[in-house]
């Protein structure tokens, strides 16, 4: 595959959606073909799964939740991401397997290794070329969501302890794979954050094979 796979990760309200859009615009301005997508919800099937995992009322078993995310991932990677990478496109994706490891593996206490293995099986082992991690105190993330949207989905509404565990898990993943991760302080000005991301992505573009 000659494309680039870039994922954006982090807690709720950290700025992933904003910066995925900015990155898409910048890459398009360079003449790159970009597929911007998200998990869950990057396909028609994924949109249905997203509604279930984020907005369904009532109790959902943690393992059922993890399996729904994995189902979305399997279909999404097979039908959207891999075809784009095989064409040589750049995929910019809001959330991927690191979110499952952090939220279900650590937050739901299902086990990071177990959830990672499930995600790798669902995606047939696909890992990003770059993962941008937006690090933000969960309380600040909650404040941002409240100020802009005023309502919270099932995961956003979880306890402070849950979100503290998720943040810790993300930072642990980044520490374990420093070559894949770019950790961003999400309290920085938007343009400073965008500049750091563009610098790292430009390095990846320079290393692409000629003609890719």
Protein backbone atom coordinates (compact mmCIF):
# COMPACT_ATOMS: atom_id res chain seq x y z
CA UNK A 1 0.00 0.00 0.00
CA UNK A 2 1.40 3.37 -1.03
CA UNK A 3 -0.99 5.62 0.89
CA UNK A 4 -0.56 7.14 4.34
CA UNK A 5 -2.74 6.28 7.31
CA UNK A 6 -2.98 9.07 9.92
CA UNK A 7 -5.16 8.74 13.00
CA UNK A 8 -6.15 11.33 15.59
CA UNK A 9 -6.72 10.19 19.15
CA UNK A 10 -7.40 11.60 22.59
CA UNK A 11 -10.08 12.34 25.11
CA UNK A 12 -13.42 13.93 24.35
CA UNK A 13 -13.33 17.62 23.50
CA UNK A 14 -9.59 17.65 22.76
CA UNK A 15 -9.91 18.99 19.20
CA UNK A 16 -9.60 15.89 17.02
CA UNK A 17 -12.43 16.79 14.64
CA UNK A 18 -11.22 20.36 14.24
CA UNK A 19 -7.68 19.32 13.41
CA UNK A 20 -8.67 16.47 11.13
CA UNK A 21 -10.53 19.05 9.02
CA UNK A 22 -7.56 21.46 9.08
CA UNK A 23 -5.19 18.66 8.10
CA UNK A 24 -7.46 17.58 5.27
CA UNK A 25 -7.56 21.13 3.89
CA UNK A 26 -3.78 21.52 4.12
CA UNK A 27 -3.10 18.21 2.38
CA UNK A 28 -5.64 18.96 -0.33
CA UNK A 29 -3.85 22.27 -0.89
CA UNK A 30 -0.67 20.29 -1.57
CA UNK A 31 -2.49 18.32 -4.25
CA UNK A 32 -2.93 15.18 -2.16
CA UNK A 33 -6.02 13.00 -2.38
CA UNK A 34 -7.44 12.74 1.13
CA UNK A 35 -10.06 10.43 2.60
CA UNK A 36 -11.28 11.88 5.88
CA UNK A 37 -13.23 9.45 8.02
CA UNK A 38 -13.96 8.38 11.59
CA UNK A 39 -14.68 5.45 13.88
CA UNK A 40 -17.32 4.57 14.63
CA UNK A 41 -19.45 5.89 11.79
CA UNK A 42 -17.27 5.96 8.69
CA UNK A 43 -19.69 3.77 6.71
CA UNK A 44 -23.46 3.32 6.53
CA UNK A 45 -23.16 0.27 8.77
CA UNK A 46 -20.84 2.21 11.05
CA UNK A 47 -23.39 5.00 11.41
CA UNK A 48 -25.88 2.47 12.78
CA UNK A 49 -23.27 1.05 15.16
CA UNK A 50 -22.30 4.57 16.27
CA UNK A 51 -25.90 5.25 17.25
CA UNK A 52 -25.94 2.05 19.31
CA UNK A 53 -22.68 2.51 21.18
CA UNK A 54 -22.93 6.24 21.81
CA UNK A 55 -26.63 7.01 22.14
CA UNK A 56 -28.51 3.85 23.09
CA UNK A 57 -30.41 4.23 26.36
CA UNK A 58 -29.96 1.63 29.05
CA UNK A 59 -27.21 -0.74 30.12
CA UNK A 60 -24.77 -2.26 27.62
CA UNK A 61 -22.37 -4.99 28.65
CA UNK A 62 -18.75 -3.86 28.29
CA UNK A 63 -17.83 -6.82 26.10
CA UNK A 64 -20.80 -6.17 23.84
CA UNK A 65 -19.62 -2.58 23.50
CA UNK A 66 -16.09 -3.66 22.59
CA UNK A 67 -17.40 -6.13 20.02
CA UNK A 68 -19.59 -3.48 18.39
CA UNK A 69 -16.58 -1.22 17.99
CA UNK A 70 -14.63 -4.13 16.52
CA UNK A 71 -17.45 -4.88 14.07
CA UNK A 72 -17.46 -1.28 12.91
CA UNK A 73 -13.67 -1.40 12.54
CA UNK A 74 -13.63 -4.61 10.50
CA UNK A 75 -16.14 -3.27 7.98
CA UNK A 76 -14.65 0.22 7.87
CA UNK A 77 -11.08 -0.90 7.27
CA UNK A 78 -12.11 -3.44 4.64
CA UNK A 79 -14.40 -1.14 2.68
CA UNK A 80 -12.97 2.37 3.15
CA UNK A 81 -9.45 2.52 4.56
CA UNK A 82 -7.59 -0.32 2.82
CA UNK A 83 -8.98 0.55 -0.63
CA UNK A 84 -7.92 4.18 -0.12
CA UNK A 85 -4.41 3.21 0.98
CA UNK A 86 -4.06 0.83 -1.96
CA UNK A 87 -4.96 3.71 -4.30
CA UNK A 88 -2.20 5.80 -2.70
CA UNK A 89 -4.56 8.19 -0.91
CA UNK A 90 -3.97 9.73 2.50
CA UNK A 91 -6.47 8.60 5.13
CA UNK A 92 -7.10 11.05 7.99
CA UNK A 93 -9.15 9.26 10.61
CA UNK A 94 -10.77 10.43 13.85
CA UNK A 95 -10.18 7.52 16.31
CA UNK A 96 -8.93 4.01 15.69
CA UNK A 97 -7.77 1.01 17.72
CA UNK A 98 -5.96 3.10 20.34
CA UNK A 99 -9.34 4.47 21.42
CA UNK A 100 -10.64 0.95 21.93
CA UNK A 101 -7.58 0.03 23.98
CA UNK A 102 -7.98 3.15 26.13
CA UNK A 103 -11.77 3.25 26.52
CA UNK A 104 -12.72 -0.42 26.56
CA UNK A 105 -9.43 -1.99 27.56
CA UNK A 106 -8.60 0.42 30.37
CA UNK A 107 -11.75 2.43 31.04
CA UNK A 108 -14.05 -0.62 30.97
CA UNK A 109 -11.28 -2.77 32.50
CA UNK A 110 -11.49 -5.43 29.79
CA UNK A 111 -7.72 -5.62 29.44
CA UNK A 112 -5.58 -3.59 27.04
CA UNK A 113 -3.91 -6.63 25.45
CA UNK A 114 -7.21 -8.41 24.86
CA UNK A 115 -8.83 -5.39 23.23
CA UNK A 116 -5.74 -4.67 21.14
CA UNK A 117 -5.73 -8.25 19.87
CA UNK A 118 -9.43 -7.99 19.01
CA UNK A 119 -8.85 -4.75 17.09
CA UNK A 120 -5.86 -6.14 15.20
CA UNK A 121 -7.89 -9.20 14.23
CA UNK A 122 -10.76 -6.99 13.04
CA UNK A 123 -8.43 -4.78 10.99
CA UNK A 124 -6.17 -7.60 9.77
CA UNK A 125 -3.21 -6.05 11.55
CA UNK A 126 -3.36 -2.57 10.06
CA UNK A 127 -1.52 0.09 12.09
CA UNK A 128 -1.32 3.83 11.34
CA UNK A 129 1.79 5.48 9.94
CA UNK A 130 1.19 8.31 12.41
CA UNK A 131 -1.08 8.72 15.41
CA UNK A 132 -1.59 12.25 16.74
CA UNK A 133 -2.58 12.15 20.40
CA UNK A 134 -4.32 15.26 21.75
CA UNK A 135 -3.66 15.29 25.48
CA UNK A 136 -6.13 17.25 27.59
CA UNK A 137 -7.34 17.16 31.17
CA UNK A 138 -10.73 15.39 31.09
CA UNK A 139 -12.42 18.15 33.08
CA UNK A 140 -11.37 20.70 30.47
CA UNK A 141 -12.64 18.41 27.74
CA UNK A 142 -15.99 18.13 29.47
CA UNK A 143 -16.15 21.90 29.85
CA UNK A 144 -15.51 22.36 26.13
CA UNK A 145 -18.23 19.88 25.17
CA UNK A 146 -20.69 21.53 27.51
CA UNK A 147 -19.91 24.96 26.09
CA UNK A 148 -20.27 23.92 22.45
CA UNK A 149 -22.88 21.17 22.50
CA UNK A 150 -24.44 21.05 25.95
CA UNK A 151 -25.16 17.32 25.87
CA UNK A 152 -22.99 14.23 26.38
CA UNK A 153 -23.01 10.79 24.78
CA UNK A 154 -22.69 7.52 26.74
CA UNK A 155 -18.91 7.65 26.97
CA UNK A 156 -18.60 11.39 27.49
CA UNK A 157 -21.01 11.08 30.43
CA UNK A 158 -18.80 8.55 32.26
CA UNK A 159 -17.15 9.39 35.59
CA UNK A 160 -13.98 11.40 36.15
CA UNK A 161 -12.18 8.22 37.24
CA UNK A 162 -13.12 6.57 33.94
CA UNK A 163 -11.78 9.46 31.87
CA UNK A 164 -8.63 9.78 34.00
CA UNK A 165 -7.96 6.08 33.29
CA UNK A 166 -8.52 6.65 29.57
CA UNK A 167 -6.09 9.57 29.52
CA UNK A 168 -3.47 7.54 31.36
CA UNK A 169 -3.92 4.68 28.90
CA UNK A 170 -3.43 6.96 25.89
CA UNK A 171 -0.23 8.40 27.35
CA UNK A 172 1.02 4.90 28.11
CA UNK A 173 0.40 3.83 24.51
CA UNK A 174 2.28 6.87 23.23
CA UNK A 175 5.21 6.16 25.54
CA UNK A 176 5.39 2.56 24.31
CA UNK A 177 5.39 3.55 20.61
CA UNK A 178 7.15 6.93 20.34
CA UNK A 179 7.91 6.49 16.64
CA UNK A 180 4.23 6.18 15.77
CA UNK A 181 2.80 8.81 18.13
CA UNK A 182 2.96 12.58 18.14
CA UNK A 183 1.72 13.83 21.52
CA UNK A 184 0.12 17.28 21.44
CA UNK A 185 -0.71 19.51 24.39
CA UNK A 186 -4.30 20.30 23.42
CA UNK A 187 -4.35 23.52 25.46
CA UNK A 188 -2.00 25.18 22.94
CA UNK A 189 -3.33 27.68 20.38
CA UNK A 190 -4.98 26.02 17.41
CA UNK A 191 -2.46 27.32 14.87
CA UNK A 192 0.48 26.09 16.95
CA UNK A 193 -1.08 22.64 17.14
CA UNK A 194 -1.81 22.60 13.41
CA UNK A 195 1.78 23.64 12.66
CA UNK A 196 3.21 20.77 14.70
CA UNK A 197 0.97 18.27 12.93
CA UNK A 198 1.84 19.64 9.49
CA UNK A 199 5.56 19.43 10.26
CA UNK A 200 5.32 15.76 11.22
CA UNK A 201 3.11 14.88 8.25
CA UNK A 202 5.46 16.70 5.87
CA UNK A 203 8.25 14.40 7.06
CA UNK A 204 6.11 11.38 6.20
CA UNK A 205 5.35 12.82 2.76
CA UNK A 206 9.05 13.30 2.06
CA UNK A 207 9.71 9.63 2.81
CA UNK A 208 7.01 8.33 0.48
CA UNK A 209 8.23 6.38 -2.56
CA UNK A 210 8.64 8.40 -5.73
CA UNK A 211 5.39 8.29 -7.71
CA UNK A 212 3.23 7.42 -4.67
